[in-house]
Amino acid sequence: MRTRFLVVDDHPVFRYGLVSLVESEAKYQVLAQVGTIAEALALLKVEVPDILLVDLSLGSDGTGLDLLEIVRDQFPSVLSLVVSIHNEAVYAVRAKEAGARGFVMKQDPGSVLKEAIRLVLAGKTFFERNSEGSEAVASVAPPRDPSALSPREREVLELLGKGRGVNEIAGLLGLSAKTIGVHQDHIKSRLGVKNNYELRRYAIEWLASR
């Protein structure tokens, strides 16, 4: 029997490419490819795959981390592997806590994904970019206390920590992407954070420590 996959990614072009890569192995079968949590859960109730390939940025109904937690709790037999554009060094800890068994970045060659799938199916984990080969990701010490932020700025910071993108945050808060960008700049200034990468990493650490 072939290993059954469910692919969850909100970018159709990448999703189709991922399906083609997976099914280039005769022993693998993609049951379905979807772009939202709702679609994924609807399919999981009909047929449970062996492994889930999921991006962290999904549609408006949640993030890949949300889906990982649901699968971990409701479908414990399903193995999960993150395939995302987001940096593993920033998201690996949260992905593991949510139930992921591995993390592959979209920039990686197909051979890396195939190796990750092989290891996860063999009962192992695949977190490639952690320091000194360990699976622990170094924490980022908060530069300053976020209590100095306004309620709206803390709201933006929390959504960043949950993996939301600027456009997603704008939609959730009913603001423009430009306004969210201004809030990000204010947050960086008040926290002493240099750039958006460090801000997102800080937001994840702050959210996890609450």
N, C-alpha and C. Protein backbone atom coordinates (compact mmCIF):
# COMPACT_ATOMS: atom_id res chain seq x y z
N MET A 1 0.84 -1.20 0.00
CA MET A 1 0.00 0.00 0.00
C MET A 1 0.87 1.25 0.00
N ARG A 2 0.49 2.23 -0.80
CA ARG A 2 1.27 3.46 -0.89
C ARG A 2 1.02 4.37 0.31
N THR A 3 2.04 5.15 0.67
CA THR A 3 1.91 6.13 1.75
C THR A 3 1.05 7.28 1.27
N ARG A 4 0.06 7.65 2.06
CA ARG A 4 -0.93 8.64 1.65
C ARG A 4 -0.62 10.01 2.27
N PHE A 5 -0.67 11.05 1.43
CA PHE A 5 -0.33 12.41 1.83
C PHE A 5 -1.54 13.33 1.71
N LEU A 6 -1.56 14.34 2.58
CA LEU A 6 -2.46 15.49 2.41
C LEU A 6 -1.58 16.72 2.37
N VAL A 7 -1.70 17.53 1.32
CA VAL A 7 -0.89 18.73 1.15
C VAL A 7 -1.75 19.95 1.42
N VAL A 8 -1.29 20.81 2.35
CA VAL A 8 -2.05 22.01 2.71
C VAL A 8 -1.16 23.23 2.53
N ASP A 9 -1.48 24.03 1.51
CA ASP A 9 -0.70 25.23 1.19
C ASP A 9 -1.62 26.17 0.43
N ASP A 10 -1.59 27.47 0.76
CA ASP A 10 -2.52 28.38 0.12
C ASP A 10 -2.01 28.98 -1.18
N HIS A 11 -0.87 28.50 -1.69
CA HIS A 11 -0.36 28.95 -2.98
C HIS A 11 -0.51 27.81 -4.00
N PRO A 12 -1.51 27.88 -4.87
CA PRO A 12 -1.79 26.76 -5.78
C PRO A 12 -0.60 26.32 -6.62
N VAL A 13 0.17 27.27 -7.15
CA VAL A 13 1.29 26.89 -8.02
C VAL A 13 2.31 26.07 -7.25
N PHE A 14 2.66 26.52 -6.05
CA PHE A 14 3.62 25.75 -5.25
C PHE A 14 3.01 24.40 -4.85
N ARG A 15 1.74 24.42 -4.53
CA ARG A 15 1.06 23.19 -4.10
C ARG A 15 1.12 22.13 -5.19
N TYR A 16 0.85 22.54 -6.42
CA TYR A 16 0.90 21.58 -7.53
C TYR A 16 2.31 21.03 -7.72
N GLY A 17 3.30 21.91 -7.57
CA GLY A 17 4.68 21.45 -7.69
C GLY A 17 5.04 20.47 -6.59
N LEU A 18 4.56 20.73 -5.40
CA LEU A 18 4.83 19.83 -4.27
C LEU A 18 4.19 18.47 -4.49
N VAL A 19 2.97 18.48 -4.99
CA VAL A 19 2.29 17.22 -5.29
C VAL A 19 3.07 16.42 -6.33
N SER A 20 3.55 17.10 -7.37
CA SER A 20 4.31 16.41 -8.42
C SER A 20 5.59 15.81 -7.86
N LEU A 21 6.24 16.56 -6.96
CA LEU A 21 7.48 16.06 -6.36
C LEU A 21 7.21 14.82 -5.52
N VAL A 22 6.17 14.88 -4.71
CA VAL A 22 5.84 13.73 -3.85
C VAL A 22 5.49 12.52 -4.70
N GLU A 23 4.66 12.72 -5.71
CA GLU A 23 4.20 11.58 -6.51
C GLU A 23 5.21 11.11 -7.54
N SER A 24 6.39 11.76 -7.58
CA SER A 24 7.47 11.22 -8.42
C SER A 24 8.00 9.93 -7.82
N GLU A 25 7.66 9.68 -6.55
CA GLU A 25 7.98 8.41 -5.90
C GLU A 25 6.75 7.51 -6.02
N ALA A 26 6.90 6.38 -6.65
CA ALA A 26 5.76 5.50 -6.90
C ALA A 26 5.09 5.02 -5.62
N LYS A 27 5.83 5.02 -4.52
CA LYS A 27 5.28 4.51 -3.25
C LYS A 27 4.45 5.55 -2.51
N TYR A 28 4.38 6.78 -3.05
CA TYR A 28 3.64 7.85 -2.40
C TYR A 28 2.39 8.22 -3.21
N GLN A 29 1.33 8.56 -2.50
CA GLN A 29 0.08 8.98 -3.14
C GLN A 29 -0.47 10.20 -2.42
N VAL A 30 -0.80 11.27 -3.14
CA VAL A 30 -1.41 12.45 -2.56
C VAL A 30 -2.93 12.30 -2.63
N LEU A 31 -3.56 12.20 -1.48
CA LEU A 31 -5.01 12.05 -1.43
C LEU A 31 -5.71 13.32 -1.88
N ALA A 32 -5.17 14.46 -1.46
CA ALA A 32 -5.79 15.74 -1.79
C ALA A 32 -4.81 16.87 -1.54
N GLN A 33 -5.09 18.02 -2.17
CA GLN A 33 -4.32 19.23 -1.95
C GLN A 33 -5.31 20.35 -1.71
N VAL A 34 -5.11 21.10 -0.61
CA VAL A 34 -6.06 22.15 -0.23
C VAL A 34 -5.31 23.38 0.26
N GLY A 35 -6.06 24.47 0.47
CA GLY A 35 -5.40 25.72 0.84
C GLY A 35 -5.83 26.30 2.17
N THR A 36 -6.81 25.69 2.86
CA THR A 36 -7.29 26.24 4.13
C THR A 36 -7.45 25.14 5.18
N ILE A 37 -7.57 25.57 6.44
CA ILE A 37 -7.79 24.63 7.53
C ILE A 37 -9.14 23.94 7.38
N ALA A 38 -10.16 24.70 7.02
CA ALA A 38 -11.50 24.12 6.87
C ALA A 38 -11.50 23.00 5.84
N GLU A 39 -10.85 23.23 4.70
CA GLU A 39 -10.79 22.19 3.66
C GLU A 39 -10.03 20.97 4.15
N ALA A 40 -8.93 21.22 4.87
CA ALA A 40 -8.12 20.10 5.38
C ALA A 40 -8.93 19.26 6.36
N LEU A 41 -9.64 19.90 7.28
CA LEU A 41 -10.41 19.16 8.29
C LEU A 41 -11.56 18.40 7.65
N ALA A 42 -12.17 18.98 6.63
CA ALA A 42 -13.27 18.28 5.94
C ALA A 42 -12.76 16.98 5.32
N LEU A 43 -11.57 17.03 4.75
CA LEU A 43 -11.00 15.84 4.13
C LEU A 43 -10.54 14.83 5.18
N LEU A 44 -9.98 15.32 6.28
CA LEU A 44 -9.51 14.42 7.33
C LEU A 44 -10.66 13.61 7.94
N LYS A 45 -11.86 14.18 7.93
CA LYS A 45 -13.02 13.47 8.48
C LYS A 45 -13.49 12.36 7.55
N VAL A 46 -13.09 12.46 6.28
CA VAL A 46 -13.49 11.45 5.30
C VAL A 46 -12.44 10.36 5.17
N GLU A 47 -11.19 10.78 5.08
CA GLU A 47 -10.08 9.81 4.93
C GLU A 47 -8.84 10.36 5.61
N VAL A 48 -8.27 9.56 6.48
CA VAL A 48 -7.10 10.00 7.25
C VAL A 48 -5.81 9.60 6.52
N PRO A 49 -4.97 10.57 6.17
CA PRO A 49 -3.70 10.26 5.49
C PRO A 49 -2.66 9.75 6.47
N ASP A 50 -1.55 9.32 5.93
CA ASP A 50 -0.43 8.90 6.78
C ASP A 50 0.42 10.10 7.21
N ILE A 51 0.51 11.10 6.33
CA ILE A 51 1.37 12.23 6.60
C ILE A 51 0.78 13.52 6.02
N LEU A 52 0.95 14.59 6.77
CA LEU A 52 0.46 15.90 6.37
C LEU A 52 1.65 16.80 6.05
N LEU A 53 1.62 17.43 4.87
CA LEU A 53 2.60 18.45 4.51
C LEU A 53 1.90 19.78 4.59
N VAL A 54 2.37 20.69 5.44
CA VAL A 54 1.61 21.91 5.70
C VAL A 54 2.50 23.15 5.74
N ASP A 55 2.01 24.22 5.15
CA ASP A 55 2.69 25.51 5.22
C ASP A 55 2.24 26.20 6.50
N LEU A 56 3.00 27.18 6.96
CA LEU A 56 2.63 27.92 8.17
C LEU A 56 1.65 29.04 7.86
N SER A 57 1.73 29.62 6.66
CA SER A 57 0.82 30.69 6.27
C SER A 57 -0.29 30.11 5.41
N LEU A 58 -1.51 30.14 5.95
CA LEU A 58 -2.64 29.59 5.22
C LEU A 58 -3.67 30.69 4.97
N GLY A 59 -4.91 30.30 4.79
CA GLY A 59 -5.95 31.27 4.50
C GLY A 59 -6.40 32.02 5.73
N SER A 60 -7.56 32.64 5.64
CA SER A 60 -8.04 33.52 6.71
C SER A 60 -8.56 32.76 7.93
N ASP A 61 -8.67 31.43 7.84
CA ASP A 61 -9.25 30.69 8.97
C ASP A 61 -8.20 30.17 9.94
N GLY A 62 -6.96 30.60 9.82
CA GLY A 62 -5.93 30.19 10.77
C GLY A 62 -4.59 29.97 10.11
N THR A 63 -3.61 29.54 10.91
CA THR A 63 -2.26 29.30 10.42
C THR A 63 -1.95 27.81 10.41
N GLY A 64 -0.81 27.48 9.83
CA GLY A 64 -0.38 26.09 9.85
C GLY A 64 -0.17 25.57 11.26
N LEU A 65 0.25 26.45 12.16
CA LEU A 65 0.42 26.04 13.56
C LEU A 65 -0.92 25.64 14.17
N ASP A 66 -1.98 26.37 13.84
CA ASP A 66 -3.31 26.01 14.32
C ASP A 66 -3.71 24.63 13.82
N LEU A 67 -3.46 24.38 12.54
CA LEU A 67 -3.82 23.08 11.96
C LEU A 67 -3.00 21.96 12.59
N LEU A 68 -1.71 22.20 12.81
CA LEU A 68 -0.86 21.19 13.44
C LEU A 68 -1.41 20.78 14.80
N GLU A 69 -1.85 21.74 15.58
CA GLU A 69 -2.37 21.45 16.91
C GLU A 69 -3.66 20.63 16.83
N ILE A 70 -4.52 20.96 15.87
CA ILE A 70 -5.77 20.21 15.70
C ILE A 70 -5.47 18.77 15.30
N VAL A 71 -4.56 18.62 14.36
CA VAL A 71 -4.20 17.26 13.90
C VAL A 71 -3.56 16.47 15.03
N ARG A 72 -2.69 17.11 15.79
CA ARG A 72 -2.04 16.44 16.92
C ARG A 72 -3.07 15.92 17.92
N ASP A 73 -4.10 16.73 18.18
CA ASP A 73 -5.08 16.38 19.20
C ASP A 73 -6.19 15.46 18.69
N GLN A 74 -6.60 15.64 17.43
CA GLN A 74 -7.75 14.90 16.93
C GLN A 74 -7.39 13.73 16.01
N PHE A 75 -6.20 13.80 15.40
CA PHE A 75 -5.78 12.74 14.48
C PHE A 75 -4.34 12.34 14.82
N PRO A 76 -4.12 11.78 16.00
CA PRO A 76 -2.75 11.51 16.48
C PRO A 76 -1.94 10.54 15.63
N SER A 77 -2.59 9.76 14.80
CA SER A 77 -1.86 8.82 13.95
C SER A 77 -1.20 9.50 12.75
N VAL A 78 -1.61 10.73 12.46
CA VAL A 78 -1.10 11.44 11.28
C VAL A 78 0.23 12.12 11.61
N LEU A 79 1.25 11.84 10.82
CA LEU A 79 2.54 12.50 10.96
C LEU A 79 2.47 13.85 10.24
N SER A 80 3.15 14.85 10.78
CA SER A 80 3.10 16.19 10.18
C SER A 80 4.49 16.71 9.88
N LEU A 81 4.63 17.31 8.70
CA LEU A 81 5.89 17.91 8.27
C LEU A 81 5.61 19.29 7.72
N VAL A 82 6.29 20.30 8.26
CA VAL A 82 6.12 21.67 7.80
C VAL A 82 6.96 21.91 6.56
N VAL A 83 6.36 22.53 5.54
CA VAL A 83 7.08 22.96 4.34
C VAL A 83 6.73 24.44 4.16
N SER A 84 7.66 25.32 4.50
CA SER A 84 7.29 26.74 4.61
C SER A 84 8.39 27.66 4.12
N ILE A 85 7.98 28.86 3.73
CA ILE A 85 8.94 29.90 3.36
C ILE A 85 9.54 30.55 4.61
N HIS A 86 8.87 30.39 5.74
CA HIS A 86 9.35 31.00 6.98
C HIS A 86 10.62 30.30 7.48
N ASN A 87 11.44 31.07 8.16
CA ASN A 87 12.74 30.57 8.61
C ASN A 87 12.58 29.53 9.71
N GLU A 88 13.21 28.38 9.51
CA GLU A 88 13.12 27.30 10.50
C GLU A 88 13.71 27.70 11.84
N ALA A 89 14.80 28.48 11.82
CA ALA A 89 15.43 28.88 13.07
C ALA A 89 14.48 29.67 13.96
N VAL A 90 13.50 30.31 13.34
CA VAL A 90 12.53 31.10 14.09
C VAL A 90 11.33 30.25 14.52
N TYR A 91 10.88 29.35 13.67
CA TYR A 91 9.61 28.67 13.88
C TYR A 91 9.72 27.21 14.33
N ALA A 92 10.91 26.64 14.35
CA ALA A 92 11.03 25.21 14.63
C ALA A 92 10.46 24.82 15.99
N VAL A 93 10.76 25.59 17.02
CA VAL A 93 10.29 25.24 18.36
C VAL A 93 8.76 25.22 18.41
N ARG A 94 8.13 26.26 17.88
CA ARG A 94 6.67 26.31 17.91
C ARG A 94 6.05 25.21 17.05
N ALA A 95 6.70 24.91 15.92
CA ALA A 95 6.19 23.83 15.06
C ALA A 95 6.26 22.49 15.79
N LYS A 96 7.36 22.25 16.49
CA LYS A 96 7.50 21.00 17.25
C LYS A 96 6.46 20.91 18.35
N GLU A 97 6.27 22.01 19.07
CA GLU A 97 5.28 22.02 20.15
C GLU A 97 3.88 21.77 19.61
N ALA A 98 3.62 22.20 18.39
CA ALA A 98 2.30 22.02 17.78
C ALA A 98 2.13 20.62 17.20
N GLY A 99 3.21 19.84 17.15
CA GLY A 99 3.10 18.46 16.69
C GLY A 99 3.88 18.09 15.45
N ALA A 100 4.59 19.04 14.84
CA ALA A 100 5.36 18.74 13.63
C ALA A 100 6.52 17.80 13.95
N ARG A 101 6.80 16.90 13.02
CA ARG A 101 7.94 15.99 13.17
C ARG A 101 9.15 16.44 12.37
N GLY A 102 8.97 17.50 11.58
CA GLY A 102 10.08 18.01 10.78
C GLY A 102 9.74 19.34 10.17
N PHE A 103 10.78 20.00 9.61
CA PHE A 103 10.61 21.34 9.05
C PHE A 103 11.52 21.46 7.83
N VAL A 104 10.92 21.77 6.69
CA VAL A 104 11.67 21.98 5.45
C VAL A 104 11.29 23.36 4.92
N MET A 105 12.28 24.11 4.47
CA MET A 105 11.99 25.42 3.89
C MET A 105 11.76 25.29 2.39
N LYS A 106 10.90 26.14 1.85
CA LYS A 106 10.56 26.07 0.44
C LYS A 106 11.76 26.34 -0.46
N GLN A 107 12.77 27.00 0.08
CA GLN A 107 13.98 27.27 -0.70
C GLN A 107 14.85 26.03 -0.86
N ASP A 108 14.59 25.00 -0.08
CA ASP A 108 15.41 23.79 -0.12
C ASP A 108 15.18 23.01 -1.42
N PRO A 109 16.19 22.29 -1.89
CA PRO A 109 15.98 21.44 -3.06
C PRO A 109 15.05 20.28 -2.74
N GLY A 110 14.48 19.69 -3.79
CA GLY A 110 13.55 18.59 -3.61
C GLY A 110 14.15 17.42 -2.87
N SER A 111 15.46 17.22 -3.01
CA SER A 111 16.11 16.10 -2.33
C SER A 111 16.02 16.22 -0.82
N VAL A 112 16.04 17.47 -0.32
CA VAL A 112 15.93 17.69 1.13
C VAL A 112 14.54 17.29 1.61
N LEU A 113 13.52 17.70 0.87
CA LEU A 113 12.16 17.33 1.24
C LEU A 113 11.98 15.81 1.23
N LYS A 114 12.51 15.15 0.21
CA LYS A 114 12.37 13.70 0.13
C LYS A 114 13.06 13.01 1.30
N GLU A 115 14.20 13.53 1.71
CA GLU A 115 14.91 12.95 2.85
C GLU A 115 14.13 13.19 4.14
N ALA A 116 13.55 14.39 4.26
CA ALA A 116 12.74 14.69 5.45
C ALA A 116 11.54 13.76 5.54
N ILE A 117 10.88 13.54 4.42
CA ILE A 117 9.73 12.64 4.39
C ILE A 117 10.16 11.23 4.79
N ARG A 118 11.27 10.78 4.23
CA ARG A 118 11.76 9.43 4.54
C ARG A 118 12.02 9.25 6.03
N LEU A 119 12.66 10.24 6.64
CA LEU A 119 12.99 10.15 8.06
C LEU A 119 11.75 10.21 8.94
N VAL A 120 10.84 11.11 8.60
CA VAL A 120 9.62 11.24 9.40
C VAL A 120 8.80 9.96 9.33
N LEU A 121 8.69 9.38 8.14
CA LEU A 121 7.96 8.12 7.99
C LEU A 121 8.64 6.97 8.73
N ALA A 122 9.95 7.10 8.93
CA ALA A 122 10.71 6.07 9.65
C ALA A 122 10.66 6.27 11.17
N GLY A 123 9.88 7.27 11.61
CA GLY A 123 9.75 7.50 13.03
C GLY A 123 10.76 8.46 13.62
N LYS A 124 11.51 9.14 12.76
CA LYS A 124 12.51 10.08 13.22
C LYS A 124 12.02 11.51 13.01
N THR A 125 12.86 12.48 13.34
CA THR A 125 12.49 13.88 13.14
C THR A 125 13.48 14.53 12.17
N PHE A 126 13.08 15.66 11.60
CA PHE A 126 13.94 16.36 10.66
C PHE A 126 13.85 17.86 10.93
N PHE A 127 14.81 18.34 11.73
CA PHE A 127 14.95 19.77 11.99
C PHE A 127 16.40 20.10 11.69
N GLU A 128 16.64 20.58 10.47
CA GLU A 128 17.98 20.62 9.91
C GLU A 128 18.84 21.78 10.40
N ARG A 129 18.25 22.94 10.63
CA ARG A 129 19.07 24.14 10.81
C ARG A 129 19.34 24.53 12.25
N ASN A 130 19.11 23.65 13.18
CA ASN A 130 19.35 23.99 14.57
C ASN A 130 20.84 23.96 14.89
N SER A 131 21.25 24.73 15.84
CA SER A 131 22.67 24.89 16.13
C SER A 131 23.31 23.60 16.57
N GLU A 132 24.50 23.33 16.04
CA GLU A 132 25.34 22.20 16.39
C GLU A 132 24.63 20.86 16.27
N GLY A 133 23.67 20.82 15.32
CA GLY A 133 23.00 19.57 15.04
C GLY A 133 21.94 19.18 16.05
N SER A 134 21.72 19.98 17.07
CA SER A 134 20.71 19.65 18.06
C SER A 134 19.35 20.12 17.57
N GLU A 135 18.31 19.70 18.27
CA GLU A 135 16.98 20.11 17.88
C GLU A 135 16.48 21.31 18.69
N ALA A 136 17.35 21.87 19.51
CA ALA A 136 16.95 23.03 20.29
C ALA A 136 17.26 24.29 19.51
N VAL A 137 16.36 25.25 19.55
CA VAL A 137 16.57 26.52 18.88
C VAL A 137 16.81 27.57 19.95
N ALA A 138 17.88 28.35 19.80
CA ALA A 138 18.23 29.34 20.80
C ALA A 138 17.13 30.37 20.96
N SER A 139 16.89 30.76 22.18
CA SER A 139 15.90 31.79 22.45
C SER A 139 16.48 33.17 22.21
N VAL A 140 15.59 34.11 21.98
CA VAL A 140 15.99 35.49 21.81
C VAL A 140 15.59 36.24 23.07
N ALA A 141 16.54 36.77 23.80
CA ALA A 141 16.22 37.51 25.00
C ALA A 141 15.51 38.80 24.62
N PRO A 142 14.35 39.07 25.21
CA PRO A 142 13.62 40.30 24.87
C PRO A 142 14.47 41.53 25.12
N PRO A 143 14.65 42.39 24.11
CA PRO A 143 15.45 43.60 24.29
C PRO A 143 14.84 44.51 25.34
N ARG A 144 13.50 44.64 25.33
CA ARG A 144 12.81 45.49 26.29
C ARG A 144 11.46 44.90 26.63
N ASP A 145 10.88 45.39 27.70
CA ASP A 145 9.57 44.92 28.13
C ASP A 145 8.49 45.48 27.20
N PRO A 146 7.63 44.61 26.64
CA PRO A 146 6.58 45.09 25.72
C PRO A 146 5.47 45.86 26.41
N SER A 147 5.53 46.00 27.73
CA SER A 147 4.48 46.76 28.42
C SER A 147 4.44 48.22 27.99
N ALA A 148 5.55 48.68 27.36
CA ALA A 148 5.60 50.06 26.87
C ALA A 148 4.79 50.25 25.59
N LEU A 149 4.36 49.15 25.00
CA LEU A 149 3.60 49.23 23.74
C LEU A 149 2.15 49.59 24.02
N SER A 150 1.52 50.18 23.01
CA SER A 150 0.10 50.48 23.11
C SER A 150 -0.69 49.18 22.95
N PRO A 151 -1.97 49.17 23.36
CA PRO A 151 -2.79 47.96 23.18
C PRO A 151 -2.81 47.47 21.72
N ARG A 152 -2.91 48.39 20.76
CA ARG A 152 -2.92 48.00 19.36
C ARG A 152 -1.59 47.41 18.95
N GLU A 153 -0.50 47.98 19.43
CA GLU A 153 0.83 47.47 19.08
C GLU A 153 1.03 46.08 19.67
N ARG A 154 0.55 45.85 20.88
CA ARG A 154 0.66 44.50 21.47
C ARG A 154 -0.20 43.51 20.69
N GLU A 155 -1.31 43.97 20.17
CA GLU A 155 -2.18 43.12 19.35
C GLU A 155 -1.45 42.71 18.07
N VAL A 156 -0.79 43.66 17.43
CA VAL A 156 0.00 43.37 16.23
C VAL A 156 1.15 42.42 16.57
N LEU A 157 1.82 42.67 17.69
CA LEU A 157 2.93 41.82 18.10
C LEU A 157 2.47 40.38 18.33
N GLU A 158 1.31 40.24 18.95
CA GLU A 158 0.78 38.90 19.21
C GLU A 158 0.47 38.17 17.91
N LEU A 159 -0.12 38.86 16.95
CA LEU A 159 -0.44 38.23 15.67
C LEU A 159 0.83 37.86 14.90
N LEU A 160 1.85 38.70 15.00
CA LEU A 160 3.14 38.35 14.39
C LEU A 160 3.68 37.08 15.01
N GLY A 161 3.56 36.96 16.32
CA GLY A 161 4.03 35.77 17.01
C GLY A 161 3.28 34.51 16.65
N LYS A 162 2.06 34.69 16.17
CA LYS A 162 1.25 33.54 15.75
C LYS A 162 1.49 33.17 14.29
N GLY A 163 2.44 33.88 13.66
CA GLY A 163 2.79 33.54 12.29
C GLY A 163 2.00 34.26 11.23
N ARG A 164 1.22 35.24 11.61
CA ARG A 164 0.42 35.99 10.63
C ARG A 164 1.30 36.94 9.83
N GLY A 165 0.99 37.09 8.56
CA GLY A 165 1.68 38.05 7.72
C GLY A 165 1.04 39.42 7.83
N VAL A 166 1.69 40.44 7.27
CA VAL A 166 1.19 41.81 7.36
C VAL A 166 -0.20 41.94 6.76
N ASN A 167 -0.42 41.35 5.60
CA ASN A 167 -1.74 41.45 4.95
C ASN A 167 -2.82 40.74 5.76
N GLU A 168 -2.45 39.59 6.36
CA GLU A 168 -3.40 38.86 7.20
C GLU A 168 -3.78 39.69 8.43
N ILE A 169 -2.77 40.30 9.07
CA ILE A 169 -3.03 41.13 10.25
C ILE A 169 -3.92 42.31 9.89
N ALA A 170 -3.62 42.92 8.75
CA ALA A 170 -4.43 44.05 8.30
C ALA A 170 -5.89 43.65 8.14
N GLY A 171 -6.13 42.49 7.54
CA GLY A 171 -7.49 42.02 7.35
C GLY A 171 -8.19 41.71 8.66
N LEU A 172 -7.46 41.09 9.59
CA LEU A 172 -8.04 40.74 10.88
C LEU A 172 -8.40 41.96 11.72
N LEU A 173 -7.57 43.00 11.62
CA LEU A 173 -7.79 44.20 12.43
C LEU A 173 -8.56 45.28 11.70
N GLY A 174 -8.88 45.05 10.44
CA GLY A 174 -9.62 46.04 9.67
C GLY A 174 -8.82 47.29 9.36
N LEU A 175 -7.52 47.11 9.17
CA LEU A 175 -6.62 48.21 8.88
C LEU A 175 -5.93 47.96 7.54
N SER A 176 -5.22 48.97 7.04
CA SER A 176 -4.46 48.78 5.81
C SER A 176 -3.10 48.16 6.12
N ALA A 177 -2.52 47.51 5.11
CA ALA A 177 -1.19 46.93 5.29
C ALA A 177 -0.17 48.02 5.63
N LYS A 178 -0.36 49.20 5.07
CA LYS A 178 0.54 50.32 5.35
C LYS A 178 0.49 50.71 6.82
N THR A 179 -0.71 50.71 7.38
CA THR A 179 -0.86 51.05 8.80
C THR A 179 -0.18 50.00 9.68
N ILE A 180 -0.32 48.73 9.31
CA ILE A 180 0.35 47.66 10.07
C ILE A 180 1.86 47.85 9.99
N GLY A 181 2.35 48.27 8.82
CA GLY A 181 3.78 48.53 8.68
C GLY A 181 4.25 49.64 9.60
N VAL A 182 3.42 50.67 9.75
CA VAL A 182 3.75 51.77 10.68
C VAL A 182 3.80 51.26 12.11
N HIS A 183 2.82 50.42 12.47
CA HIS A 183 2.82 49.83 13.82
C HIS A 183 4.09 49.00 14.04
N GLN A 184 4.49 48.24 13.03
CA GLN A 184 5.71 47.43 13.16
C GLN A 184 6.92 48.32 13.41
N ASP A 185 6.99 49.43 12.70
CA ASP A 185 8.12 50.35 12.88
C ASP A 185 8.14 50.92 14.29
N HIS A 186 6.97 51.28 14.80
CA HIS A 186 6.89 51.81 16.16
C HIS A 186 7.31 50.75 17.18
N ILE A 187 6.87 49.52 16.97
CA ILE A 187 7.21 48.42 17.88
C ILE A 187 8.71 48.19 17.88
N LYS A 188 9.31 48.15 16.69
CA LYS A 188 10.76 47.94 16.60
C LYS A 188 11.51 49.03 17.34
N SER A 189 11.06 50.27 17.18
CA SER A 189 11.73 51.40 17.83
C SER A 189 11.63 51.30 19.36
N ARG A 190 10.45 50.95 19.85
CA ARG A 190 10.24 50.90 21.29
C ARG A 190 10.90 49.70 21.95
N LEU A 191 11.04 48.61 21.20
CA LEU A 191 11.66 47.41 21.76
C LEU A 191 13.17 47.36 21.50
N GLY A 192 13.66 48.23 20.64
CA GLY A 192 15.08 48.18 20.29
C GLY A 192 15.42 47.03 19.36
N VAL A 193 14.45 46.65 18.52
CA VAL A 193 14.64 45.56 17.57
C VAL A 193 15.06 46.14 16.22
N LYS A 194 16.03 45.50 15.56
CA LYS A 194 16.65 46.08 14.37
C LYS A 194 15.82 45.96 13.10
N ASN A 195 15.20 44.81 12.89
CA ASN A 195 14.53 44.57 11.62
C ASN A 195 13.31 43.68 11.80
N ASN A 196 12.57 43.44 10.72
CA ASN A 196 11.33 42.66 10.80
C ASN A 196 11.59 41.20 11.16
N TYR A 197 12.72 40.67 10.72
CA TYR A 197 13.08 39.28 11.06
C TYR A 197 13.23 39.14 12.58
N GLU A 198 13.99 40.06 13.18
CA GLU A 198 14.20 40.01 14.63
C GLU A 198 12.90 40.29 15.38
N LEU A 199 12.06 41.16 14.82
CA LEU A 199 10.78 41.46 15.46
C LEU A 199 9.90 40.22 15.50
N ARG A 200 9.82 39.50 14.38
CA ARG A 200 8.97 38.30 14.36
C ARG A 200 9.51 37.24 15.31
N ARG A 201 10.81 37.11 15.35
CA ARG A 201 11.40 36.12 16.26
C ARG A 201 11.14 36.51 17.71
N TYR A 202 11.28 37.80 18.00
CA TYR A 202 10.97 38.29 19.35
C TYR A 202 9.50 38.02 19.69
N ALA A 203 8.62 38.28 18.72
CA ALA A 203 7.19 38.09 18.96
C ALA A 203 6.87 36.64 19.32
N ILE A 204 7.51 35.71 18.66
CA ILE A 204 7.30 34.28 18.94
C ILE A 204 7.74 33.95 20.35
N GLU A 205 8.94 34.44 20.72
CA GLU A 205 9.46 34.18 22.05
C GLU A 205 8.59 34.82 23.12
N TRP A 206 8.14 36.03 22.87
CA TRP A 206 7.28 36.74 23.83
C TRP A 206 5.97 36.01 24.02
N LEU A 207 5.38 35.57 22.92
CA LEU A 207 4.11 34.87 22.99
C LEU A 207 4.25 33.56 23.74
N ALA A 208 5.35 32.84 23.49
CA ALA A 208 5.56 31.54 24.14
C ALA A 208 5.80 31.69 25.64
N SER A 209 6.31 32.84 26.06
CA SER A 209 6.63 33.04 27.48
C SER A 209 5.46 33.54 28.31
N ARG A 210 4.35 33.87 27.66
CA ARG A 210 3.19 34.44 28.38
C ARG A 210 2.41 33.38 29.15
